[in-house]
Amino acid sequence: MTKNPAPNSSSVENTLEKLKQQLAQSQPPKTRPNPQAGGQPNGGGNPLANDTAALSADQRGAIGDHVRECWTKDAGALDIDKQRVLLTVTTDAGGMARKAEVAGGDVARMGDPRFRAFAERAVRAIMDPRCANLPLPNNVLGRINVLTFRFTP
């Protein structure tokens, strides 16, 4: 084998030797912490709190009116007037709802078929392509937001 392979050699041995030299580590590998599972690294937003507080009552009302267009409820469902569900909604930087899930103590109520149907309708309303582009104000656009929605009949 050649210790110093010719740069343009077509010899298999010379090619293998060049590859070995390129792959040889001159320093031990450096460790780096793994990023948190899921989501975007440094995706922005407020992962530990809720961004709903940054919205005025009028802004929250406008968002609710927008989503209400896509929400259907089963008016004949037993005790529909008593149903309430809390959702946590995550938006992208452009205000598009990317994830909606039942939040807080309501998660434990998902075993009740009537509540589950009510909650699933609320999630579908948020994620409906006609309503998922939430009318967020400029002061919260440009970053990921976590918002709270309360659905009541």
N, C-alpha and C. Protein backbone atom coordinates (compact mmCIF):
# COMPACT_ATOMS: atom_id res chain seq x y z
N MET A 1 0.82 -1.18 0.00
CA MET A 1 0.00 0.00 0.00
C MET A 1 0.87 1.24 0.00
N THR A 2 0.35 2.27 -0.57
CA THR A 2 1.08 3.51 -0.67
C THR A 2 0.74 4.40 0.51
N LYS A 3 1.77 4.92 1.16
CA LYS A 3 1.57 5.79 2.32
C LYS A 3 1.03 7.15 1.90
N ASN A 4 1.45 7.65 0.80
CA ASN A 4 1.03 8.95 0.32
C ASN A 4 0.40 8.76 -1.06
N PRO A 5 -0.91 8.49 -1.10
CA PRO A 5 -1.53 8.14 -2.36
C PRO A 5 -1.48 9.29 -3.35
N ALA A 6 -1.36 8.92 -4.60
CA ALA A 6 -1.35 9.92 -5.67
C ALA A 6 -2.74 10.55 -5.76
N PRO A 7 -2.83 11.89 -5.93
CA PRO A 7 -4.13 12.57 -5.89
C PRO A 7 -5.12 12.10 -6.94
N ASN A 8 -4.71 11.76 -8.11
CA ASN A 8 -5.64 11.36 -9.17
C ASN A 8 -5.51 9.89 -9.53
N SER A 9 -5.05 9.07 -8.62
CA SER A 9 -4.83 7.66 -8.89
C SER A 9 -6.15 6.94 -9.01
N SER A 10 -6.23 5.99 -9.89
CA SER A 10 -7.45 5.20 -10.04
C SER A 10 -7.31 3.86 -9.35
N SER A 11 -6.20 3.63 -8.73
CA SER A 11 -5.95 2.38 -8.04
C SER A 11 -6.91 2.25 -6.85
N VAL A 12 -7.51 1.11 -6.71
CA VAL A 12 -8.45 0.85 -5.61
C VAL A 12 -7.76 1.03 -4.27
N GLU A 13 -6.52 0.53 -4.13
CA GLU A 13 -5.80 0.66 -2.88
C GLU A 13 -5.55 2.13 -2.53
N ASN A 14 -5.17 2.91 -3.51
CA ASN A 14 -4.94 4.33 -3.26
C ASN A 14 -6.23 5.03 -2.86
N THR A 15 -7.32 4.68 -3.49
CA THR A 15 -8.61 5.29 -3.14
C THR A 15 -9.01 4.92 -1.72
N LEU A 16 -8.86 3.66 -1.36
CA LEU A 16 -9.19 3.24 0.00
C LEU A 16 -8.30 3.93 1.03
N GLU A 17 -7.03 4.06 0.73
CA GLU A 17 -6.11 4.72 1.65
C GLU A 17 -6.50 6.19 1.84
N LYS A 18 -6.87 6.84 0.76
CA LYS A 18 -7.31 8.25 0.87
C LYS A 18 -8.55 8.36 1.75
N LEU A 19 -9.50 7.44 1.57
CA LEU A 19 -10.71 7.46 2.38
C LEU A 19 -10.40 7.23 3.86
N LYS A 20 -9.49 6.29 4.14
CA LYS A 20 -9.10 6.03 5.53
C LYS A 20 -8.49 7.28 6.17
N GLN A 21 -7.67 7.96 5.43
CA GLN A 21 -7.03 9.17 5.96
C GLN A 21 -8.07 10.26 6.22
N GLN A 22 -9.05 10.37 5.35
CA GLN A 22 -10.08 11.40 5.54
C GLN A 22 -10.96 11.09 6.73
N LEU A 23 -11.20 9.80 6.97
CA LEU A 23 -12.09 9.41 8.06
C LEU A 23 -11.41 9.31 9.41
N ALA A 24 -10.08 9.26 9.43
CA ALA A 24 -9.35 9.12 10.69
C ALA A 24 -9.65 10.31 11.59
N GLN A 25 -9.99 10.02 12.83
CA GLN A 25 -10.28 11.09 13.78
C GLN A 25 -8.99 11.63 14.36
N SER A 26 -8.86 12.92 14.34
CA SER A 26 -7.68 13.53 14.94
C SER A 26 -7.98 13.96 16.37
N GLN A 27 -9.26 14.07 16.72
CA GLN A 27 -9.65 14.45 18.08
C GLN A 27 -10.81 13.54 18.51
N PRO A 28 -10.96 13.35 19.80
CA PRO A 28 -12.09 12.53 20.25
C PRO A 28 -13.40 13.27 19.96
N PRO A 29 -14.50 12.54 19.80
CA PRO A 29 -15.77 13.21 19.55
C PRO A 29 -16.18 14.07 20.73
N LYS A 30 -16.83 15.17 20.43
CA LYS A 30 -17.31 16.08 21.48
C LYS A 30 -18.78 15.80 21.73
N THR A 31 -19.16 15.79 22.99
CA THR A 31 -20.57 15.53 23.31
C THR A 31 -21.34 16.83 23.32
N ARG A 32 -22.59 16.72 22.92
CA ARG A 32 -23.52 17.85 22.97
C ARG A 32 -24.82 17.34 23.55
N PRO A 33 -25.54 18.17 24.29
CA PRO A 33 -26.81 17.70 24.85
C PRO A 33 -27.83 17.47 23.72
N ASN A 34 -28.67 16.47 23.92
CA ASN A 34 -29.74 16.23 22.95
C ASN A 34 -30.81 17.30 23.10
N PRO A 35 -31.43 17.73 21.99
CA PRO A 35 -32.52 18.71 22.11
C PRO A 35 -33.72 18.03 22.76
N GLN A 36 -34.63 18.85 23.31
CA GLN A 36 -35.83 18.31 23.90
C GLN A 36 -36.63 17.58 22.83
N ALA A 37 -37.30 16.53 23.23
CA ALA A 37 -38.09 15.76 22.28
C ALA A 37 -39.26 16.57 21.77
N GLY A 38 -39.55 16.42 20.49
CA GLY A 38 -40.72 17.07 19.88
C GLY A 38 -40.51 18.55 19.65
N GLY A 39 -41.31 19.10 18.77
CA GLY A 39 -41.30 20.53 18.50
C GLY A 39 -40.05 21.00 17.80
N GLN A 40 -39.94 22.29 17.67
CA GLN A 40 -38.78 22.88 17.04
C GLN A 40 -37.79 23.31 18.11
N PRO A 41 -36.49 23.11 17.90
CA PRO A 41 -35.55 23.66 18.86
C PRO A 41 -35.59 25.17 18.79
N ASN A 42 -35.61 25.79 19.91
CA ASN A 42 -35.69 27.25 20.00
C ASN A 42 -36.83 27.79 19.15
N GLY A 43 -37.98 27.12 19.22
CA GLY A 43 -39.12 27.49 18.39
C GLY A 43 -39.80 28.77 18.82
N GLY A 44 -39.44 29.30 19.96
CA GLY A 44 -40.06 30.54 20.41
C GLY A 44 -41.34 30.23 21.17
N GLY A 45 -42.16 31.23 21.29
CA GLY A 45 -43.40 31.05 22.02
C GLY A 45 -43.16 31.06 23.51
N ASN A 46 -44.07 30.49 24.23
CA ASN A 46 -44.04 30.53 25.67
C ASN A 46 -44.36 29.14 26.19
N PRO A 47 -43.39 28.21 26.22
CA PRO A 47 -43.68 26.83 26.54
C PRO A 47 -44.15 26.59 27.97
N LEU A 48 -43.85 27.48 28.89
CA LEU A 48 -44.21 27.25 30.28
C LEU A 48 -45.45 28.02 30.71
N ALA A 49 -45.94 28.87 29.87
CA ALA A 49 -47.10 29.68 30.25
C ALA A 49 -48.03 29.81 29.06
N ASN A 50 -49.06 30.64 29.23
CA ASN A 50 -50.08 30.77 28.22
C ASN A 50 -50.03 32.18 27.67
N ASP A 51 -50.15 32.31 26.36
CA ASP A 51 -50.07 33.62 25.71
C ASP A 51 -51.41 34.32 25.61
N THR A 52 -52.48 33.71 26.10
CA THR A 52 -53.81 34.31 26.03
C THR A 52 -53.84 35.65 26.76
N ALA A 53 -53.07 35.78 27.82
CA ALA A 53 -53.06 37.02 28.60
C ALA A 53 -52.56 38.22 27.79
N ALA A 54 -51.82 37.97 26.71
CA ALA A 54 -51.31 39.06 25.89
C ALA A 54 -52.40 39.64 24.98
N LEU A 55 -53.57 39.01 24.96
CA LEU A 55 -54.66 39.46 24.10
C LEU A 55 -55.68 40.27 24.89
N SER A 56 -56.21 41.30 24.27
CA SER A 56 -57.27 42.08 24.91
C SER A 56 -58.58 41.31 24.82
N ALA A 57 -59.59 41.75 25.55
CA ALA A 57 -60.90 41.10 25.51
C ALA A 57 -61.47 41.17 24.10
N ASP A 58 -61.30 42.29 23.41
CA ASP A 58 -61.80 42.41 22.04
C ASP A 58 -61.08 41.44 21.10
N GLN A 59 -59.78 41.29 21.27
CA GLN A 59 -59.00 40.37 20.42
C GLN A 59 -59.43 38.93 20.67
N ARG A 60 -59.62 38.58 21.95
CA ARG A 60 -60.09 37.23 22.28
C ARG A 60 -61.47 36.99 21.69
N GLY A 61 -62.32 38.01 21.74
CA GLY A 61 -63.66 37.90 21.18
C GLY A 61 -63.63 37.69 19.67
N ALA A 62 -62.74 38.40 18.99
CA ALA A 62 -62.63 38.26 17.53
C ALA A 62 -62.16 36.86 17.16
N ILE A 63 -61.23 36.31 17.93
CA ILE A 63 -60.75 34.95 17.67
C ILE A 63 -61.88 33.96 17.93
N GLY A 64 -62.62 34.15 19.01
CA GLY A 64 -63.76 33.28 19.32
C GLY A 64 -64.82 33.32 18.23
N ASP A 65 -65.13 34.52 17.74
CA ASP A 65 -66.12 34.66 16.66
C ASP A 65 -65.65 33.93 15.41
N HIS A 66 -64.36 34.00 15.12
CA HIS A 66 -63.79 33.35 13.94
C HIS A 66 -63.94 31.83 14.05
N VAL A 67 -63.61 31.26 15.20
CA VAL A 67 -63.66 29.81 15.38
C VAL A 67 -65.11 29.33 15.48
N ARG A 68 -65.98 30.16 16.02
CA ARG A 68 -67.38 29.78 16.18
C ARG A 68 -68.03 29.41 14.85
N GLU A 69 -67.55 29.98 13.76
CA GLU A 69 -68.09 29.67 12.44
C GLU A 69 -67.91 28.19 12.08
N CYS A 70 -66.93 27.54 12.67
CA CYS A 70 -66.63 26.14 12.34
C CYS A 70 -67.10 25.17 13.42
N TRP A 71 -67.68 25.70 14.50
CA TRP A 71 -68.07 24.84 15.61
C TRP A 71 -69.52 24.41 15.46
N THR A 72 -69.74 23.11 15.55
CA THR A 72 -71.10 22.58 15.55
C THR A 72 -71.31 21.89 16.88
N LYS A 73 -72.52 21.98 17.36
CA LYS A 73 -72.85 21.26 18.60
C LYS A 73 -74.11 20.46 18.36
N ASP A 74 -74.21 19.36 19.06
CA ASP A 74 -75.38 18.50 18.95
C ASP A 74 -76.43 19.06 19.90
N ALA A 75 -77.34 19.86 19.36
CA ALA A 75 -78.35 20.52 20.19
C ALA A 75 -79.23 19.52 20.92
N GLY A 76 -79.34 18.30 20.40
CA GLY A 76 -80.17 17.28 21.05
C GLY A 76 -79.45 16.46 22.10
N ALA A 77 -78.16 16.72 22.30
CA ALA A 77 -77.40 15.94 23.28
C ALA A 77 -77.88 16.25 24.69
N LEU A 78 -77.92 15.22 25.50
CA LEU A 78 -78.37 15.35 26.88
C LEU A 78 -77.46 16.30 27.66
N ASP A 79 -78.02 17.26 28.35
CA ASP A 79 -77.29 18.23 29.17
C ASP A 79 -76.27 19.05 28.37
N ILE A 80 -76.56 19.31 27.11
CA ILE A 80 -75.62 20.08 26.28
C ILE A 80 -75.35 21.45 26.87
N ASP A 81 -76.36 22.05 27.51
CA ASP A 81 -76.20 23.39 28.08
C ASP A 81 -75.25 23.41 29.27
N LYS A 82 -74.93 22.25 29.82
CA LYS A 82 -74.01 22.18 30.97
C LYS A 82 -72.58 21.83 30.55
N GLN A 83 -72.38 21.50 29.28
CA GLN A 83 -71.05 21.09 28.82
C GLN A 83 -70.11 22.28 28.69
N ARG A 84 -68.88 22.07 29.06
CA ARG A 84 -67.82 23.06 28.90
C ARG A 84 -66.52 22.28 28.69
N VAL A 85 -65.64 22.82 27.84
CA VAL A 85 -64.36 22.17 27.65
C VAL A 85 -63.28 23.23 27.49
N LEU A 86 -62.14 22.95 28.09
CA LEU A 86 -60.98 23.82 28.01
C LEU A 86 -59.97 23.18 27.06
N LEU A 87 -59.50 23.95 26.06
CA LEU A 87 -58.52 23.46 25.10
C LEU A 87 -57.26 24.30 25.17
N THR A 88 -56.13 23.66 24.95
CA THR A 88 -54.87 24.35 24.76
C THR A 88 -54.55 24.26 23.28
N VAL A 89 -54.34 25.42 22.66
CA VAL A 89 -54.11 25.50 21.22
C VAL A 89 -52.72 26.09 21.00
N THR A 90 -51.93 25.43 20.17
CA THR A 90 -50.61 25.92 19.81
C THR A 90 -50.66 26.39 18.37
N THR A 91 -50.20 27.63 18.15
CA THR A 91 -50.18 28.19 16.79
C THR A 91 -48.75 28.32 16.31
N ASP A 92 -48.60 28.37 14.99
CA ASP A 92 -47.28 28.67 14.44
C ASP A 92 -47.09 30.19 14.43
N ALA A 93 -45.97 30.64 13.92
CA ALA A 93 -45.64 32.07 13.94
C ALA A 93 -46.59 32.90 13.09
N GLY A 94 -47.29 32.27 12.14
CA GLY A 94 -48.22 33.00 11.29
C GLY A 94 -49.64 33.02 11.84
N GLY A 95 -49.87 32.39 12.98
CA GLY A 95 -51.20 32.38 13.59
C GLY A 95 -52.05 31.18 13.21
N MET A 96 -51.47 30.20 12.54
CA MET A 96 -52.21 29.00 12.13
C MET A 96 -52.20 28.00 13.29
N ALA A 97 -53.39 27.53 13.68
CA ALA A 97 -53.49 26.52 14.74
C ALA A 97 -52.85 25.24 14.24
N ARG A 98 -51.87 24.72 14.97
CA ARG A 98 -51.17 23.50 14.60
C ARG A 98 -51.50 22.33 15.51
N LYS A 99 -51.96 22.63 16.73
CA LYS A 99 -52.30 21.57 17.67
C LYS A 99 -53.38 22.08 18.60
N ALA A 100 -54.39 21.27 18.83
CA ALA A 100 -55.44 21.60 19.79
C ALA A 100 -55.71 20.34 20.60
N GLU A 101 -55.69 20.50 21.92
CA GLU A 101 -55.92 19.34 22.77
C GLU A 101 -56.67 19.75 24.03
N VAL A 102 -57.43 18.81 24.55
CA VAL A 102 -58.18 19.04 25.78
C VAL A 102 -57.17 19.30 26.89
N ALA A 103 -57.48 20.26 27.75
CA ALA A 103 -56.51 20.70 28.75
C ALA A 103 -57.03 20.55 30.17
N GLY A 104 -56.11 20.66 31.10
CA GLY A 104 -56.43 20.71 32.52
C GLY A 104 -57.19 19.48 33.00
N GLY A 105 -58.12 19.73 33.90
CA GLY A 105 -58.92 18.66 34.49
C GLY A 105 -59.87 18.02 33.50
N ASP A 106 -60.09 18.68 32.37
CA ASP A 106 -61.00 18.11 31.38
C ASP A 106 -60.46 16.85 30.73
N VAL A 107 -59.16 16.65 30.77
CA VAL A 107 -58.56 15.44 30.18
C VAL A 107 -59.15 14.20 30.85
N ALA A 108 -59.33 14.26 32.16
CA ALA A 108 -59.86 13.11 32.91
C ALA A 108 -61.31 12.82 32.54
N ARG A 109 -62.02 13.79 32.00
CA ARG A 109 -63.43 13.61 31.65
C ARG A 109 -63.62 12.97 30.27
N MET A 110 -62.54 12.71 29.55
CA MET A 110 -62.66 12.17 28.19
C MET A 110 -63.25 10.75 28.16
N GLY A 111 -63.34 10.10 29.31
CA GLY A 111 -63.97 8.78 29.38
C GLY A 111 -65.48 8.84 29.23
N ASP A 112 -66.08 9.99 29.48
CA ASP A 112 -67.52 10.18 29.32
C ASP A 112 -67.82 10.39 27.83
N PRO A 113 -68.59 9.49 27.21
CA PRO A 113 -68.82 9.59 25.76
C PRO A 113 -69.46 10.91 25.33
N ARG A 114 -70.37 11.45 26.15
CA ARG A 114 -71.00 12.73 25.78
C ARG A 114 -69.99 13.86 25.82
N PHE A 115 -69.17 13.87 26.87
CA PHE A 115 -68.15 14.91 26.97
C PHE A 115 -67.13 14.76 25.84
N ARG A 116 -66.72 13.53 25.56
CA ARG A 116 -65.75 13.28 24.50
C ARG A 116 -66.27 13.81 23.17
N ALA A 117 -67.53 13.55 22.85
CA ALA A 117 -68.11 14.05 21.60
C ALA A 117 -68.09 15.57 21.56
N PHE A 118 -68.43 16.19 22.67
CA PHE A 118 -68.44 17.66 22.77
C PHE A 118 -67.02 18.20 22.57
N ALA A 119 -66.05 17.60 23.27
CA ALA A 119 -64.66 18.06 23.19
C ALA A 119 -64.08 17.85 21.79
N GLU A 120 -64.38 16.72 21.18
CA GLU A 120 -63.86 16.45 19.84
C GLU A 120 -64.41 17.44 18.82
N ARG A 121 -65.66 17.87 18.99
CA ARG A 121 -66.23 18.89 18.10
C ARG A 121 -65.48 20.21 18.27
N ALA A 122 -65.11 20.53 19.50
CA ALA A 122 -64.37 21.77 19.75
C ALA A 122 -62.99 21.71 19.10
N VAL A 123 -62.30 20.58 19.22
CA VAL A 123 -60.98 20.42 18.60
C VAL A 123 -61.12 20.53 17.08
N ARG A 124 -62.13 19.86 16.52
CA ARG A 124 -62.33 19.93 15.07
C ARG A 124 -62.59 21.36 14.60
N ALA A 125 -63.30 22.15 15.40
CA ALA A 125 -63.57 23.55 15.03
C ALA A 125 -62.27 24.33 14.92
N ILE A 126 -61.38 24.16 15.88
CA ILE A 126 -60.10 24.89 15.87
C ILE A 126 -59.25 24.45 14.67
N MET A 127 -59.22 23.16 14.40
CA MET A 127 -58.34 22.62 13.37
C MET A 127 -58.96 22.67 11.96
N ASP A 128 -60.22 23.05 11.85
CA ASP A 128 -60.88 23.14 10.55
C ASP A 128 -60.10 24.11 9.66
N PRO A 129 -59.78 23.73 8.43
CA PRO A 129 -58.99 24.62 7.56
C PRO A 129 -59.62 26.00 7.36
N ARG A 130 -60.94 26.09 7.49
CA ARG A 130 -61.60 27.40 7.33
C ARG A 130 -61.34 28.31 8.53
N CYS A 131 -61.06 27.72 9.68
CA CYS A 131 -60.95 28.52 10.90
C CYS A 131 -59.59 28.43 11.59
N ALA A 132 -58.71 27.56 11.15
CA ALA A 132 -57.43 27.35 11.83
C ALA A 132 -56.50 28.55 11.72
N ASN A 133 -56.69 29.39 10.70
CA ASN A 133 -55.85 30.59 10.57
C ASN A 133 -56.45 31.67 11.46
N LEU A 134 -56.01 31.69 12.71
CA LEU A 134 -56.60 32.56 13.72
C LEU A 134 -56.24 34.03 13.48
N PRO A 135 -57.19 34.93 13.69
CA PRO A 135 -56.92 36.36 13.50
C PRO A 135 -56.16 36.95 14.68
N LEU A 136 -54.91 36.54 14.82
CA LEU A 136 -54.10 37.02 15.95
C LEU A 136 -53.58 38.43 15.65
N PRO A 137 -53.48 39.26 16.68
CA PRO A 137 -52.94 40.61 16.47
C PRO A 137 -51.43 40.57 16.22
N ASN A 138 -50.94 41.64 15.66
CA ASN A 138 -49.51 41.71 15.30
C ASN A 138 -48.57 41.52 16.48
N ASN A 139 -49.00 41.91 17.68
CA ASN A 139 -48.09 41.82 18.83
C ASN A 139 -47.79 40.38 19.24
N VAL A 140 -48.54 39.38 18.74
CA VAL A 140 -48.24 37.99 19.07
C VAL A 140 -47.84 37.17 17.84
N LEU A 141 -47.90 37.76 16.67
CA LEU A 141 -47.47 37.06 15.46
C LEU A 141 -45.94 37.02 15.41
N GLY A 142 -45.40 36.11 14.63
CA GLY A 142 -43.95 36.01 14.49
C GLY A 142 -43.31 35.07 15.49
N ARG A 143 -44.14 34.38 16.28
CA ARG A 143 -43.62 33.40 17.24
C ARG A 143 -44.70 32.36 17.50
N ILE A 144 -44.31 31.26 18.05
CA ILE A 144 -45.27 30.21 18.42
C ILE A 144 -46.03 30.70 19.64
N ASN A 145 -47.35 30.50 19.64
CA ASN A 145 -48.18 30.91 20.75
C ASN A 145 -48.95 29.73 21.30
N VAL A 146 -49.17 29.74 22.61
CA VAL A 146 -50.00 28.75 23.28
C VAL A 146 -51.19 29.50 23.87
N LEU A 147 -52.39 29.15 23.40
CA LEU A 147 -53.60 29.87 23.79
C LEU A 147 -54.58 28.93 24.45
N THR A 148 -55.42 29.48 25.31
CA THR A 148 -56.47 28.71 25.97
C THR A 148 -57.82 29.08 25.36
N PHE A 149 -58.59 28.07 25.01
CA PHE A 149 -59.94 28.26 24.50
C PHE A 149 -60.90 27.57 25.45
N ARG A 150 -62.01 28.23 25.76
CA ARG A 150 -63.07 27.61 26.55
C ARG A 150 -64.31 27.56 25.67
N PHE A 151 -64.78 26.35 25.41
CA PHE A 151 -65.97 26.18 24.59
C PHE A 151 -67.16 25.92 25.51
N THR A 152 -68.21 26.70 25.32
CA THR A 152 -69.48 26.51 26.04
C THR A 152 -70.60 26.66 25.01
N PRO A 153 -71.73 25.97 25.22
CA PRO A 153 -72.84 26.10 24.25
C PRO A 153 -73.44 27.50 24.25
